[in-house]
Amino acid sequence: MIILKNRNRGLIKMLVIIFIALLLLAYFGLNLRSIVASQTFQDNWNFLTNLISNIWDNYLKGAVNFIWNYILAPLISNTAKHVDEQKVASSTAAVLNYIKL
């Protein structure tokens, strides 16, 4: 007998973790609003967003565009075209079989 595990617990698990994290922050007296509004957090946030933007623009964008334009998009297009052709062929065969009856 095959036992299927319930894998739909990700959202509830994440909500419980966030709730526990907020309880811990409150217990230790940390205020998220003051942390996010602090100049240090703002400087770190701006640094990270600029770093990620720089990495995307200078290193990843070209490679991802190449992979999408020359590998994935044609593969998806050809697969979709092949599936459509199979649907037409099967429906045509079904009509021809119906007419022969």
Protein backbone atom coordinates (compact mmCIF):
# COMPACT_ATOMS: atom_id res chain seq x y z
CA MET A 1 0.00 0.00 0.00
CA ILE A 2 1.28 3.44 -0.94
CA ILE A 3 1.15 6.02 1.83
CA LEU A 4 0.86 9.57 0.57
CA LYS A 5 2.30 12.25 2.81
CA ASN A 6 0.44 15.52 3.16
CA ARG A 7 2.75 18.15 1.67
CA ASN A 8 0.33 21.08 2.05
CA ARG A 9 1.73 22.30 5.34
CA GLY A 10 4.14 24.91 4.01
CA LEU A 11 1.89 27.95 4.37
CA ILE A 12 0.68 27.08 7.86
CA LYS A 13 4.22 26.25 8.95
CA MET A 14 5.47 29.61 7.64
CA LEU A 15 2.67 31.49 9.41
CA VAL A 16 3.47 29.73 12.69
CA ILE A 17 7.17 30.59 12.32
CA ILE A 18 6.36 34.26 11.62
CA PHE A 19 4.01 34.36 14.61
CA ILE A 20 6.67 32.86 16.90
CA ALA A 21 9.27 35.31 15.57
CA LEU A 22 6.96 38.24 16.31
CA LEU A 23 6.33 36.91 19.81
CA LEU A 24 10.08 36.64 20.40
CA LEU A 25 10.64 40.19 19.16
CA ALA A 26 7.92 41.44 21.50
CA TYR A 27 9.34 39.43 24.40
CA PHE A 28 12.77 41.00 23.95
CA GLY A 29 11.25 44.47 23.55
CA LEU A 30 12.21 45.06 19.94
CA ASN A 31 9.96 47.33 17.88
CA LEU A 32 9.90 46.52 14.16
CA ARG A 33 8.71 50.00 13.22
CA SER A 34 11.68 51.66 14.92
CA ILE A 35 14.07 49.10 13.44
CA VAL A 36 12.79 49.64 9.88
CA ALA A 37 12.71 53.41 10.30
CA SER A 38 16.30 53.57 11.59
CA GLN A 39 18.96 55.12 9.40
CA THR A 40 21.16 52.03 9.69
CA PHE A 41 18.43 49.77 8.34
CA GLN A 42 17.67 52.20 5.51
CA ASP A 43 21.35 52.35 4.55
CA ASN A 44 21.66 48.56 4.61
CA TRP A 45 18.44 48.15 2.61
CA ASN A 46 19.60 50.63 -0.04
CA PHE A 47 22.97 48.89 -0.23
CA LEU A 48 21.35 45.48 -0.75
CA THR A 49 18.88 46.71 -3.37
CA ASN A 50 21.66 48.46 -5.29
CA LEU A 51 23.87 45.38 -5.05
CA ILE A 52 21.14 43.04 -6.31
CA SER A 53 20.25 45.47 -9.11
CA ASN A 54 23.89 45.75 -10.10
CA ILE A 55 24.38 41.97 -10.14
CA TRP A 56 21.22 41.51 -12.22
CA ASP A 57 22.06 44.25 -14.74
CA ASN A 58 25.76 43.41 -15.17
CA TYR A 59 25.92 39.64 -14.80
CA LEU A 60 22.62 37.77 -14.83
CA LYS A 61 20.35 39.66 -17.22
CA GLY A 62 22.23 38.71 -20.39
CA ALA A 63 22.52 35.05 -19.46
CA VAL A 64 18.87 34.76 -18.40
CA ASN A 65 17.68 36.53 -21.56
CA PHE A 66 19.84 34.24 -23.72
CA ILE A 67 18.54 31.11 -22.00
CA TRP A 68 14.93 32.30 -22.29
CA ASN A 69 15.10 33.59 -25.90
CA TYR A 70 17.17 30.81 -27.47
CA ILE A 71 16.47 27.73 -25.34
CA LEU A 72 13.30 27.85 -23.25
CA ALA A 73 10.95 29.92 -25.43
CA PRO A 74 11.55 27.84 -28.59
CA LEU A 75 11.30 24.62 -26.58
CA ILE A 76 7.97 25.70 -25.07
CA SER A 77 6.71 26.94 -28.44
CA ASN A 78 7.66 23.72 -30.23
CA THR A 79 6.13 21.59 -27.49
CA ALA A 80 2.88 23.58 -27.58
CA LYS A 81 2.80 23.33 -31.39
CA HIS A 82 3.37 19.57 -31.18
CA VAL A 83 0.56 19.17 -28.62
CA ASP A 84 -1.81 21.19 -30.83
CA GLU A 85 -0.91 19.04 -33.85
CA GLN A 86 -1.60 15.90 -31.82
CA LYS A 87 -4.98 17.26 -30.73
CA VAL A 88 -5.93 18.05 -34.33
CA ALA A 89 -4.74 14.66 -35.52
CA SER A 90 -6.62 12.80 -32.80
CA SER A 91 -9.83 14.77 -33.35
CA THR A 92 -9.54 14.25 -37.12
CA ALA A 93 -9.03 10.52 -36.58
CA ALA A 94 -12.04 10.42 -34.28
CA VAL A 95 -14.21 12.14 -36.91
CA LEU A 96 -13.00 9.76 -39.62
CA ASN A 97 -13.69 6.76 -37.39
CA TYR A 98 -17.17 8.10 -36.70
CA ILE A 99 -17.88 8.57 -40.41
CA LYS A 100 -16.74 4.99 -41.18
CA LEU A 101 -19.25 3.59 -38.72
